[in-house]
Amino acid sequence: MTTTTATGPSGATTAAGTARERRPLTKRGSRRALIVGLLALPLLVYGLFMLYPLGRVIMLSFYQWDGLGTGTWVGLSNYATTFTDGRLVGAFIHALVLIVFYAVIPLAIGLVLATLLTRSEVRGIGFFRTVVFLPQVIAMVVLAIAWRRVYAPDGLLNHVLSAIGLDSVTRAWLGDFSTALPAVGLIGTWVSTGLVTVLLMSGIAGIPKDLYEAATLDGAGWWRRFRHITIPGVRAEILVCLTLTVINALKTFDLVYVTTSGGPGTSTTVPSYEVYNQAFRLGSVGTASSLAVVLTLVIFVINLTINLLGEKDQ
């Protein structure tokens, strides 16, 4: 005996409604799976090439290791050395001094240059913009070699000083304890000014000209327009400039390595150079790792402070 089941109109309607309810859920689940799949590979790559090396450095900072044999657990001893060794502490002080040359001075110069290059209608202004940005497209090693020749005892700077009657001022600029660090810092100023100027120019170009025209009609001079219109209008760009230049100042290595190698004495040592020096010259990988961890934290804290202060002023 065969049994048949008949489905009426109401049953068909119910089945169709259930199918429509399941389709969105199925599509939503497929979309989530697709998003997870697309994110999995970048996160895996990020973890392998960023998080794992960082974790490895943190682990090595608790060991005394020469890079060849077996490491010995020393706990926080390497961090104690980082905060008490005069050479390493001096390296951080030098890096803070370089922030003035890499960030503060270029920002002041860049604001003036960006204002002039953006608002002026001089012929060939595009050429001047290119020249200002040129140091950014040349390798730092090449720039360091060129500037080392400029600062040499028989270099261009001393020749110019002698030509204008300032022979008493001439010296080996990179070999003098009192001038080596400022000389290196001025190279950083020259390099950073182009980047800062271009970033600020993009911000100033977005400020409506009507604001300047209205301020001029109200009798505002150049300084008042600059202070009350230009600077507030490029606050976001200023934060970006400070963030980039401060990071460059704190992690600079190639410039110091090529020009002075930390000398004379230890007058131009910086944290990044000391990481290299401790790990590959002195064979103290643990101290180098602790120094790298502290440097990373300093960079993070300083830039977080810059951004929090910027958000507070907005």
C-alpha atoms as a PDB file:
ATOM      1  CA  MET A   1       0.000   0.000   0.000  1.00  0.00           C
ATOM      2  CA  THR A   2       1.417   3.408  -1.056  1.00  0.00           C
ATOM      3  CA  THR A   3       1.029   6.453   1.121  1.00  0.00           C
ATOM      4  CA  THR A   4       1.051   9.928  -0.473  1.00  0.00           C
ATOM      5  CA  THR A   5       1.292  13.282   1.211  1.00  0.00           C
ATOM      6  CA  ALA A   6      -0.423  16.260  -0.314  1.00  0.00           C
ATOM      7  CA  THR A   7       0.808  19.743   0.338  1.00  0.00           C
ATOM      8  CA  GLY A   8      -1.755  22.474   0.186  1.00  0.00           C
ATOM      9  CA  PRO A   9      -1.289  26.119  -0.734  1.00  0.00           C
ATOM     10  CA  SER A  10      -0.649  27.102   2.868  1.00  0.00           C
ATOM     11  CA  GLY A  11       2.108  24.476   3.201  1.00  0.00           C
ATOM     12  CA  ALA A  12       3.830  25.723   0.044  1.00  0.00           C
ATOM     13  CA  THR A  13       3.732  29.270   1.316  1.00  0.00           C
ATOM     14  CA  THR A  14       5.289  28.248   4.625  1.00  0.00           C
ATOM     15  CA  ALA A  15       8.099  26.324   2.900  1.00  0.00           C
ATOM     16  CA  ALA A  16       8.866  29.267   0.612  1.00  0.00           C
ATOM     17  CA  GLY A  17       8.983  31.641   3.579  1.00  0.00           C
ATOM     18  CA  THR A  18      11.371  29.368   5.457  1.00  0.00           C
ATOM     19  CA  ALA A  19      13.673  29.215   2.419  1.00  0.00           C
ATOM     20  CA  ARG A  20      13.714  33.017   2.165  1.00  0.00           C
ATOM     21  CA  GLU A  21      14.602  33.297   5.854  1.00  0.00           C
ATOM     22  CA  ARG A  22      17.485  30.860   5.482  1.00  0.00           C
ATOM     23  CA  ARG A  23      19.026  32.524   2.400  1.00  0.00           C
ATOM     24  CA  PRO A  24      20.037  35.803   4.173  1.00  0.00           C
ATOM     25  CA  LEU A  25      21.524  33.849   7.044  1.00  0.00           C
ATOM     26  CA  THR A  26      23.474  31.709   4.609  1.00  0.00           C
ATOM     27  CA  LYS A  27      24.703  34.744   2.663  1.00  0.00           C
ATOM     28  CA  ARG A  28      25.655  36.532   5.882  1.00  0.00           C
ATOM     29  CA  GLY A  29      27.627  33.532   7.058  1.00  0.00           C
ATOM     30  CA  SER A  30      29.396  33.230   3.700  1.00  0.00           C
ATOM     31  CA  ARG A  31      30.292  36.917   3.813  1.00  0.00           C
ATOM     32  CA  ARG A  32      31.790  36.560   7.278  1.00  0.00           C
ATOM     33  CA  ALA A  33      33.784  33.536   6.191  1.00  0.00           C
ATOM     34  CA  LEU A  34      35.070  35.468   3.164  1.00  0.00           C
ATOM     35  CA  ILE A  35      36.133  38.429   5.329  1.00  0.00           C
ATOM     36  CA  VAL A  36      37.877  36.123   7.800  1.00  0.00           C
ATOM     37  CA  GLY A  37      39.623  34.357   4.939  1.00  0.00           C
ATOM     38  CA  LEU A  38      40.793  37.626   3.376  1.00  0.00           C
ATOM     39  CA  LEU A  39      42.120  38.902   6.703  1.00  0.00           C
ATOM     40  CA  ALA A  40      43.784  35.664   7.711  1.00  0.00           C
ATOM     41  CA  LEU A  41      46.688  35.896   5.255  1.00  0.00           C
ATOM     42  CA  PRO A  42      47.650  39.545   6.005  1.00  0.00           C
ATOM     43  CA  LEU A  43      47.416  38.874   9.742  1.00  0.00           C
ATOM     44  CA  LEU A  44      49.537  35.761   9.358  1.00  0.00           C
ATOM     45  CA  VAL A  45      52.172  37.685   7.390  1.00  0.00           C
ATOM     46  CA  TYR A  46      52.071  40.516   9.956  1.00  0.00           C
ATOM     47  CA  GLY A  47      52.525  38.049  12.778  1.00  0.00           C
ATOM     48  CA  LEU A  48      55.427  36.254  11.094  1.00  0.00           C
ATOM     49  CA  PHE A  49      57.363  39.326  10.002  1.00  0.00           C
ATOM     50  CA  MET A  50      56.485  41.809  12.770  1.00  0.00           C
ATOM     51  CA  LEU A  51      55.139  40.274  15.964  1.00  0.00           C
ATOM     52  CA  TYR A  52      57.393  37.217  16.038  1.00  0.00           C
ATOM     53  CA  PRO A  53      60.673  39.178  15.582  1.00  0.00           C
ATOM     54  CA  LEU A  54      59.502  41.684  18.189  1.00  0.00           C
ATOM     55  CA  GLY A  55      58.724  38.908  20.625  1.00  0.00           C
ATOM     56  CA  ARG A  56      62.081  37.312  19.876  1.00  0.00           C
ATOM     57  CA  VAL A  57      63.906  40.574  20.657  1.00  0.00           C
ATOM     58  CA  ILE A  58      62.008  40.923  23.938  1.00  0.00           C
ATOM     59  CA  MET A  59      62.958  37.362  24.876  1.00  0.00           C
ATOM     60  CA  LEU A  60      66.629  37.923  24.031  1.00  0.00           C
ATOM     61  CA  SER A  61      66.684  41.027  26.203  1.00  0.00           C
ATOM     62  CA  PHE A  62      66.487  38.774  29.271  1.00  0.00           C
ATOM     63  CA  TYR A  63      69.558  36.751  28.285  1.00  0.00           C
ATOM     64  CA  GLN A  64      73.279  37.324  28.204  1.00  0.00           C
ATOM     65  CA  TRP A  65      74.264  36.076  24.754  1.00  0.00           C
ATOM     66  CA  ASP A  66      77.143  36.759  22.372  1.00  0.00           C
ATOM     67  CA  GLY A  67      75.218  35.634  19.294  1.00  0.00           C
ATOM     68  CA  LEU A  68      77.062  32.331  18.924  1.00  0.00           C
ATOM     69  CA  GLY A  69      76.905  30.096  21.996  1.00  0.00           C
ATOM     70  CA  THR A  70      74.133  29.367  24.450  1.00  0.00           C
ATOM     71  CA  GLY A  71      72.492  32.300  26.196  1.00  0.00           C
ATOM     72  CA  THR A  72      72.319  32.693  29.964  1.00  0.00           C
ATOM     73  CA  TRP A  73      69.213  33.987  31.718  1.00  0.00           C
ATOM     74  CA  VAL A  74      70.001  37.276  33.491  1.00  0.00           C
ATOM     75  CA  GLY A  75      66.499  38.672  34.047  1.00  0.00           C
ATOM     76  CA  LEU A  76      66.378  42.471  34.093  1.00  0.00           C
ATOM     77  CA  SER A  77      70.150  42.868  34.221  1.00  0.00           C
ATOM     78  CA  ASN A  78      70.349  44.082  30.606  1.00  0.00           C
ATOM     79  CA  TYR A  79      67.692  46.726  31.270  1.00  0.00           C
ATOM     80  CA  ALA A  80      69.605  47.873  34.344  1.00  0.00           C
ATOM     81  CA  THR A  81      72.667  48.292  32.138  1.00  0.00           C
ATOM     82  CA  THR A  82      70.648  50.265  29.594  1.00  0.00           C
ATOM     83  CA  PHE A  83      69.502  52.749  32.243  1.00  0.00           C
ATOM     84  CA  THR A  84      72.806  53.036  34.127  1.00  0.00           C
ATOM     85  CA  ASP A  85      75.553  52.799  31.512  1.00  0.00           C
ATOM     86  CA  GLY A  86      76.724  56.330  30.732  1.00  0.00           C
ATOM     87  CA  ARG A  87      77.334  55.572  27.052  1.00  0.00           C
ATOM     88  CA  LEU A  88      73.834  54.197  26.510  1.00  0.00           C
ATOM     89  CA  VAL A  89      72.109  56.949  28.491  1.00  0.00           C
ATOM     90  CA  GLY A  90      74.111  59.512  26.518  1.00  0.00           C
ATOM     91  CA  ALA A  91      72.899  57.931  23.286  1.00  0.00           C
ATOM     92  CA  PHE A  92      69.283  58.661  24.281  1.00  0.00           C
ATOM     93  CA  ILE A  93      70.183  62.230  25.241  1.00  0.00           C
ATOM     94  CA  HIS A  94      71.799  62.726  21.830  1.00  0.00           C
ATOM     95  CA  ALA A  95      68.647  61.372  20.167  1.00  0.00           C
ATOM     96  CA  LEU A  96      66.522  63.904  22.051  1.00  0.00           C
ATOM     97  CA  VAL A  97      68.856  66.673  20.854  1.00  0.00           C
ATOM     98  CA  LEU A  98      68.449  65.420  17.289  1.00  0.00           C
ATOM     99  CA  ILE A  99      64.677  65.780  17.627  1.00  0.00           C
ATOM    100  CA  VAL A 100      65.224  69.548  17.701  1.00  0.00           C
ATOM    101  CA  PHE A 101      67.182  69.369  14.426  1.00  0.00           C
ATOM    102  CA  TYR A 102      64.995  66.762  12.733  1.00  0.00           C
ATOM    103  CA  ALA A 103      61.552  67.981  13.828  1.00  0.00           C
ATOM    104  CA  VAL A 104      61.370  71.393  15.498  1.00  0.00           C
ATOM    105  CA  ILE A 105      63.634  73.433  13.202  1.00  0.00           C
ATOM    106  CA  PRO A 106      62.318  71.840   9.951  1.00  0.00           C
ATOM    107  CA  LEU A 107      58.744  72.488  11.100  1.00  0.00           C
ATOM    108  CA  ALA A 108      59.478  76.191  11.654  1.00  0.00           C
ATOM    109  CA  ILE A 109      61.298  76.528   8.323  1.00  0.00           C
ATOM    110  CA  GLY A 110      58.748  74.380   6.510  1.00  0.00           C
ATOM    111  CA  LEU A 111      55.802  76.504   7.625  1.00  0.00           C
ATOM    112  CA  VAL A 112      57.420  79.623   6.187  1.00  0.00           C
ATOM    113  CA  LEU A 113      58.547  77.931   2.970  1.00  0.00           C
ATOM    114  CA  ALA A 114      55.213  76.191   2.428  1.00  0.00           C
ATOM    115  CA  THR A 115      53.340  79.469   2.880  1.00  0.00           C
ATOM    116  CA  LEU A 116      55.574  81.304   0.413  1.00  0.00           C
ATOM    117  CA  LEU A 117      55.593  78.512  -2.177  1.00  0.00           C
ATOM    118  CA  THR A 118      51.821  77.984  -1.996  1.00  0.00           C
ATOM    119  CA  ARG A 119      50.552  81.558  -1.896  1.00  0.00           C
ATOM    120  CA  SER A 120      53.093  83.201  -4.185  1.00  0.00           C
ATOM    121  CA  GLU A 121      52.597  83.282  -7.947  1.00  0.00           C
ATOM    122  CA  VAL A 122      56.256  83.347  -8.985  1.00  0.00           C
ATOM    123  CA  ARG A 123      57.238  81.736 -12.294  1.00  0.00           C
ATOM    124  CA  GLY A 124      59.080  78.454 -11.923  1.00  0.00           C
ATOM    125  CA  ILE A 125      57.527  77.712  -8.553  1.00  0.00           C
ATOM    126  CA  GLY A 126      57.263  74.032  -9.507  1.00  0.00           C
ATOM    127  CA  PHE A 127      61.037  73.888  -9.912  1.00  0.00           C
ATOM    128  CA  PHE A 128      61.578  75.303  -6.426  1.00  0.00           C
ATOM    129  CA  ARG A 129      59.155  72.770  -4.967  1.00  0.00           C
ATOM    130  CA  THR A 130      61.107  69.954  -6.617  1.00  0.00           C
ATOM    131  CA  VAL A 131      64.430  71.288  -5.325  1.00  0.00           C
ATOM    132  CA  VAL A 132      63.072  71.516  -1.770  1.00  0.00           C
ATOM    133  CA  PHE A 133      61.910  67.875  -1.882  1.00  0.00           C
ATOM    134  CA  LEU A 134      65.061  66.579  -3.601  1.00  0.00           C
ATOM    135  CA  PRO A 135      66.863  65.364  -0.417  1.00  0.00           C
ATOM    136  CA  GLN A 136      64.020  62.908   0.194  1.00  0.00           C
ATOM    137  CA  VAL A 137      64.668  60.983  -3.020  1.00  0.00           C
ATOM    138  CA  ILE A 138      68.424  60.541  -2.485  1.00  0.00           C
ATOM    139  CA  ALA A 139      69.733  57.674  -0.365  1.00  0.00           C
ATOM    140  CA  MET A 140      70.838  58.806   3.088  1.00  0.00           C
ATOM    141  CA  VAL A 141      74.210  57.075   2.669  1.00  0.00           C
ATOM    142  CA  VAL A 142      74.917  59.193  -0.424  1.00  0.00           C
ATOM    143  CA  LEU A 143      73.896  62.365   1.413  1.00  0.00           C
ATOM    144  CA  ALA A 144      76.057  61.434   4.395  1.00  0.00           C
ATOM    145  CA  ILE A 145      79.126  60.944   2.206  1.00  0.00           C
ATOM    146  CA  ALA A 146      78.507  64.266   0.438  1.00  0.00           C
ATOM    147  CA  TRP A 147      78.094  66.154   3.712  1.00  0.00           C
ATOM    148  CA  ARG A 148      81.159  64.504   5.194  1.00  0.00           C
ATOM    149  CA  ARG A 149      83.151  66.107   2.394  1.00  0.00           C
ATOM    150  CA  VAL A 150      81.459  69.467   3.066  1.00  0.00           C
ATOM    151  CA  TYR A 151      82.462  69.285   6.743  1.00  0.00           C
ATOM    152  CA  ALA A 152      86.023  68.019   6.077  1.00  0.00           C
ATOM    153  CA  PRO A 153      88.977  70.222   7.149  1.00  0.00           C
ATOM    154  CA  ASP A 154      89.618  70.959   3.463  1.00  0.00           C
ATOM    155  CA  GLY A 155      85.925  70.906   2.594  1.00  0.00           C
ATOM    156  CA  LEU A 156      83.564  73.477   1.128  1.00  0.00           C
ATOM    157  CA  LEU A 157      82.421  74.934   4.453  1.00  0.00           C
ATOM    158  CA  ASN A 158      85.918  75.793   5.640  1.00  0.00           C
ATOM    159  CA  HIS A 159      86.823  77.191   2.222  1.00  0.00           C
ATOM    160  CA  VAL A 160      83.815  79.528   2.351  1.00  0.00           C
ATOM    161  CA  LEU A 161      84.640  80.622   5.887  1.00  0.00           C
ATOM    162  CA  SER A 162      88.250  81.313   4.908  1.00  0.00           C
ATOM    163  CA  ALA A 163      87.136  83.276   1.851  1.00  0.00           C
ATOM    164  CA  ILE A 164      85.093  85.674   4.003  1.00  0.00           C
ATOM    165  CA  GLY A 165      87.861  86.125   6.562  1.00  0.00           C
ATOM    166  CA  LEU A 166      86.671  83.705   9.245  1.00  0.00           C
ATOM    167  CA  ASP A 167      89.735  81.446   9.345  1.00  0.00           C
ATOM    168  CA  SER A 168      89.574  81.310  13.131  1.00  0.00           C
ATOM    169  CA  VAL A 169      86.197  79.573  12.928  1.00  0.00           C
ATOM    170  CA  THR A 170      87.306  76.770  10.593  1.00  0.00           C
ATOM    171  CA  ARG A 171      87.760  73.322  12.106  1.00  0.00           C
ATOM    172  CA  ALA A 172      87.161  69.616  11.542  1.00  0.00           C
ATOM    173  CA  TRP A 173      83.440  69.934  12.172  1.00  0.00           C
ATOM    174  CA  LEU A 174      82.759  66.210  12.524  1.00  0.00           C
ATOM    175  CA  GLY A 175      85.916  65.647  14.566  1.00  0.00           C
ATOM    176  CA  ASP A 176      85.301  68.342  17.176  1.00  0.00           C
ATOM    177  CA  PHE A 177      83.533  67.279  20.376  1.00  0.00           C
ATOM    178  CA  SER A 178      81.564  70.526  20.538  1.00  0.00           C
ATOM    179  CA  THR A 179      80.369  70.648  16.924  1.00  0.00           C
ATOM    180  CA  ALA A 180      80.023  67.015  15.809  1.00  0.00           C
ATOM    181  CA  LEU A 181      76.459  66.464  17.066  1.00  0.00           C
ATOM    182  CA  PRO A 182      75.079  69.829  15.812  1.00  0.00           C
ATOM    183  CA  ALA A 183      76.796  69.179  12.464  1.00  0.00           C
ATOM    184  CA  VAL A 184      75.047  65.817  12.144  1.00  0.00           C
ATOM    185  CA  GLY A 185      71.797  67.409  13.285  1.00  0.00           C
ATOM    186  CA  LEU A 186      71.964  70.089  10.591  1.00  0.00           C
ATOM    187  CA  ILE A 187      72.155  67.362   7.957  1.00  0.00           C
ATOM    188  CA  GLY A 188      68.934  65.987   9.430  1.00  0.00           C
ATOM    189  CA  THR A 189      67.421  69.478   9.270  1.00  0.00           C
ATOM    190  CA  TRP A 190      68.312  69.769   5.599  1.00  0.00           C
ATOM    191  CA  VAL A 191      66.789  66.364   4.812  1.00  0.00           C
ATOM    192  CA  SER A 192      63.612  66.775   6.883  1.00  0.00           C
ATOM    193  CA  THR A 193      62.773  70.299   5.710  1.00  0.00           C
ATOM    194  CA  GLY A 194      61.809  69.088   2.225  1.00  0.00           C
ATOM    195  CA  LEU A 195      59.399  66.450   3.518  1.00  0.00           C
ATOM    196  CA  VAL A 196      57.830  68.842   6.020  1.00  0.00           C
ATOM    197  CA  THR A 197      57.459  71.579   3.409  1.00  0.00           C
ATOM    198  CA  VAL A 198      55.706  69.336   0.881  1.00  0.00           C
ATOM    199  CA  LEU A 199      53.286  67.957   3.491  1.00  0.00           C
ATOM    200  CA  LEU A 200      52.441  71.437   4.743  1.00  0.00           C
ATOM    201  CA  MET A 201      51.999  72.724   1.200  1.00  0.00           C
ATOM    202  CA  SER A 202      49.274  70.147   0.603  1.00  0.00           C
ATOM    203  CA  GLY A 203      47.503  71.351   3.749  1.00  0.00           C
ATOM    204  CA  ILE A 204      47.824  75.048   2.966  1.00  0.00           C
ATOM    205  CA  ALA A 205      46.528  74.491  -0.567  1.00  0.00           C
ATOM    206  CA  GLY A 206      43.293  73.200   0.957  1.00  0.00           C
ATOM    207  CA  ILE A 207      42.635  76.351   3.001  1.00  0.00           C
ATOM    208  CA  PRO A 208      39.975  78.505   1.249  1.00  0.00           C
ATOM    209  CA  LYS A 209      41.431  81.719  -0.167  1.00  0.00           C
ATOM    210  CA  ASP A 210      38.306  83.546   0.984  1.00  0.00           C
ATOM    211  CA  LEU A 211      39.565  83.346   4.555  1.00  0.00           C
ATOM    212  CA  TYR A 212      42.776  85.181   3.644  1.00  0.00           C
ATOM    213  CA  GLU A 213      40.899  87.765   1.586  1.00  0.00           C
ATOM    214  CA  ALA A 214      38.450  88.427   4.402  1.00  0.00           C
ATOM    215  CA  ALA A 215      41.267  88.736   6.925  1.00  0.00           C
ATOM    216  CA  THR A 216      43.112  91.156   4.631  1.00  0.00           C
ATOM    217  CA  LEU A 217      40.002  93.322   4.280  1.00  0.00           C
ATOM    218  CA  ASP A 218      39.747  93.384   8.081  1.00  0.00           C
ATOM    219  CA  GLY A 219      43.278  94.771   8.247  1.00  0.00           C
ATOM    220  CA  ALA A 220      45.075  91.593   9.329  1.00  0.00           C
ATOM    221  CA  GLY A 221      48.761  91.552   8.470  1.00  0.00           C
ATOM    222  CA  TRP A 222      50.867  88.630   7.291  1.00  0.00           C
ATOM    223  CA  TRP A 223      51.646  87.435  10.816  1.00  0.00           C
ATOM    224  CA  ARG A 224      48.018  87.485  11.979  1.00  0.00           C
ATOM    225  CA  ARG A 225      46.877  85.623   8.865  1.00  0.00           C
ATOM    226  CA  PHE A 226      49.672  83.108   9.370  1.00  0.00           C
ATOM    227  CA  ARG A 227      48.895  82.626  13.059  1.00  0.00           C
ATOM    228  CA  HIS A 228      45.092  82.522  12.958  1.00  0.00           C
ATOM    229  CA  ILE A 229      44.421  80.947   9.547  1.00  0.00           C
ATOM    230  CA  THR A 230      47.434  79.023   8.260  1.00  0.00           C
ATOM    231  CA  ILE A 231      48.548  77.248  11.426  1.00  0.00           C
ATOM    232  CA  PRO A 232      45.027  76.109  12.504  1.00  0.00           C
ATOM    233  CA  GLY A 233      44.338  75.044   8.923  1.00  0.00           C
ATOM    234  CA  VAL A 234      47.326  72.681   8.793  1.00  0.00           C
ATOM    235  CA  ARG A 235      47.133  71.267  12.325  1.00  0.00           C
ATOM    236  CA  ALA A 236      46.603  67.730  11.009  1.00  0.00           C
ATOM    237  CA  GLU A 237      49.593  68.031   8.670  1.00  0.00           C
ATOM    238  CA  ILE A 238      51.733  69.388  11.520  1.00  0.00           C
ATOM    239  CA  LEU A 239      50.934  66.279  13.585  1.00  0.00           C
ATOM    240  CA  VAL A 240      51.912  64.044  10.674  1.00  0.00           C
ATOM    241  CA  CYS A 241      55.165  65.974  10.189  1.00  0.00           C
ATOM    242  CA  LEU A 242      56.064  65.755  13.869  1.00  0.00           C
ATOM    243  CA  THR A 243      55.281  62.054  13.992  1.00  0.00           C
ATOM    244  CA  LEU A 244      57.434  61.210  10.966  1.00  0.00           C
ATOM    245  CA  THR A 245      60.369  63.455  11.845  1.00  0.00           C
ATOM    246  CA  VAL A 246      60.498  62.441  15.510  1.00  0.00           C
ATOM    247  CA  ILE A 247      60.591  58.781  14.486  1.00  0.00           C
ATOM    248  CA  ASN A 248      63.394  59.545  12.019  1.00  0.00           C
ATOM    249  CA  ALA A 249      65.351  61.379  14.703  1.00  0.00           C
ATOM    250  CA  LEU A 250      65.048  58.593  17.250  1.00  0.00           C
ATOM    251  CA  LYS A 251      65.872  55.721  14.901  1.00  0.00           C
ATOM    252  CA  THR A 252      68.557  57.397  12.788  1.00  0.00           C
ATOM    253  CA  PHE A 253      71.476  55.072  12.112  1.00  0.00           C
ATOM    254  CA  ASP A 254      72.936  55.363   8.611  1.00  0.00           C
ATOM    255  CA  LEU A 255      73.675  59.078   8.910  1.00  0.00           C
ATOM    256  CA  VAL A 256      75.637  58.635  12.151  1.00  0.00           C
ATOM    257  CA  TYR A 257      77.338  55.453  10.969  1.00  0.00           C
ATOM    258  CA  VAL A 258      78.667  57.018   7.755  1.00  0.00           C
ATOM    259  CA  THR A 259      79.579  60.476   9.058  1.00  0.00           C
ATOM    260  CA  THR A 260      81.049  59.895  12.535  1.00  0.00           C
ATOM    261  CA  SER A 261      80.560  56.248  13.646  1.00  0.00           C
ATOM    262  CA  GLY A 262      79.460  57.669  16.981  1.00  0.00           C
ATOM    263  CA  GLY A 263      82.600  59.770  17.458  1.00  0.00           C
ATOM    264  CA  PRO A 264      84.571  61.640  18.340  1.00  0.00           C
ATOM    265  CA  GLY A 265      84.522  59.570  21.496  1.00  0.00           C
ATOM    266  CA  THR A 266      80.834  58.999  22.164  1.00  0.00           C
ATOM    267  CA  SER A 267      79.668  62.515  21.310  1.00  0.00           C
ATOM    268  CA  THR A 268      77.354  61.429  18.468  1.00  0.00           C
ATOM    269  CA  THR A 269      76.222  57.980  19.561  1.00  0.00           C
ATOM    270  CA  VAL A 270      72.484  57.354  19.212  1.00  0.00           C
ATOM    271  CA  PRO A 271      70.343  54.380  20.315  1.00  0.00           C
ATOM    272  CA  SER A 272      70.097  52.726  16.884  1.00  0.00           C
ATOM    273  CA  TYR A 273      73.848  52.937  16.419  1.00  0.00           C
ATOM    274  CA  GLU A 274      74.402  51.518  19.901  1.00  0.00           C
ATOM    275  CA  VAL A 275      72.109  48.573  19.116  1.00  0.00           C
ATOM    276  CA  TYR A 276      74.418  47.757  16.207  1.00  0.00           C
ATOM    277  CA  ASN A 277      77.538  48.441  18.264  1.00  0.00           C
ATOM    278  CA  GLN A 278      76.483  46.282  21.205  1.00  0.00           C
ATOM    279  CA  ALA A 279      75.275  43.370  19.078  1.00  0.00           C
ATOM    280  CA  PHE A 280      77.866  43.151  16.288  1.00  0.00           C
ATOM    281  CA  ARG A 281      80.971  44.806  17.702  1.00  0.00           C
ATOM    282  CA  LEU A 282      80.870  44.088  21.418  1.00  0.00           C
ATOM    283  CA  GLY A 283      79.000  40.775  21.181  1.00  0.00           C
ATOM    284  CA  SER A 284      76.355  41.739  23.734  1.00  0.00           C
ATOM    285  CA  VAL A 285      73.129  40.764  21.998  1.00  0.00           C
ATOM    286  CA  GLY A 286      71.110  40.858  25.224  1.00  0.00           C
ATOM    287  CA  THR A 287      72.051  44.471  25.965  1.00  0.00           C
ATOM    288  CA  ALA A 288      71.380  45.413  22.336  1.00  0.00           C
ATOM    289  CA  SER A 289      67.945  43.785  22.545  1.00  0.00           C
ATOM    290  CA  SER A 290      67.026  45.585  25.767  1.00  0.00           C
ATOM    291  CA  LEU A 291      68.186  48.851  24.192  1.00  0.00           C
ATOM    292  CA  ALA A 292      66.008  48.156  21.139  1.00  0.00           C
ATOM    293  CA  VAL A 293      62.981  47.441  23.342  1.00  0.00           C
ATOM    294  CA  VAL A 294      63.471  50.659  25.324  1.00  0.00           C
ATOM    295  CA  LEU A 295      63.917  52.636  22.093  1.00  0.00           C
ATOM    296  CA  THR A 296      60.682  51.193  20.716  1.00  0.00           C
ATOM    297  CA  LEU A 297      58.820  52.196  23.870  1.00  0.00           C
ATOM    298  CA  VAL A 298      60.287  55.711  23.787  1.00  0.00           C
ATOM    299  CA  ILE A 299      59.224  56.174  20.163  1.00  0.00           C
ATOM    300  CA  PHE A 300      55.738  54.884  20.963  1.00  0.00           C
ATOM    301  CA  VAL A 301      55.285  57.101  24.031  1.00  0.00           C
ATOM    302  CA  ILE A 302      56.561  60.277  22.349  1.00  0.00           C
ATOM    303  CA  ASN A 303      54.397  59.855  19.267  1.00  0.00           C
ATOM    304  CA  LEU A 304      51.362  58.885  21.332  1.00  0.00           C
ATOM    305  CA  THR A 305      51.863  62.084  23.350  1.00  0.00           C
ATOM    306  CA  ILE A 306      52.115  64.163  20.164  1.00  0.00           C
ATOM    307  CA  ASN A 307      48.883  62.735  18.799  1.00  0.00           C
ATOM    308  CA  LEU A 308      47.002  63.033  22.102  1.00  0.00           C
ATOM    309  CA  LEU A 309      48.041  66.681  22.435  1.00  0.00           C
ATOM    310  CA  GLY A 310      46.961  67.281  18.838  1.00  0.00           C
ATOM    311  CA  GLU A 311      43.543  65.726  19.419  1.00  0.00           C
ATOM    312  CA  LYS A 312      43.148  67.743  22.627  1.00  0.00           C
ATOM    313  CA  ASP A 313      43.718  71.033  20.781  1.00  0.00           C
ATOM    314  CA  GLN A 314      41.147  70.233  18.093  1.00  0.00           C
END
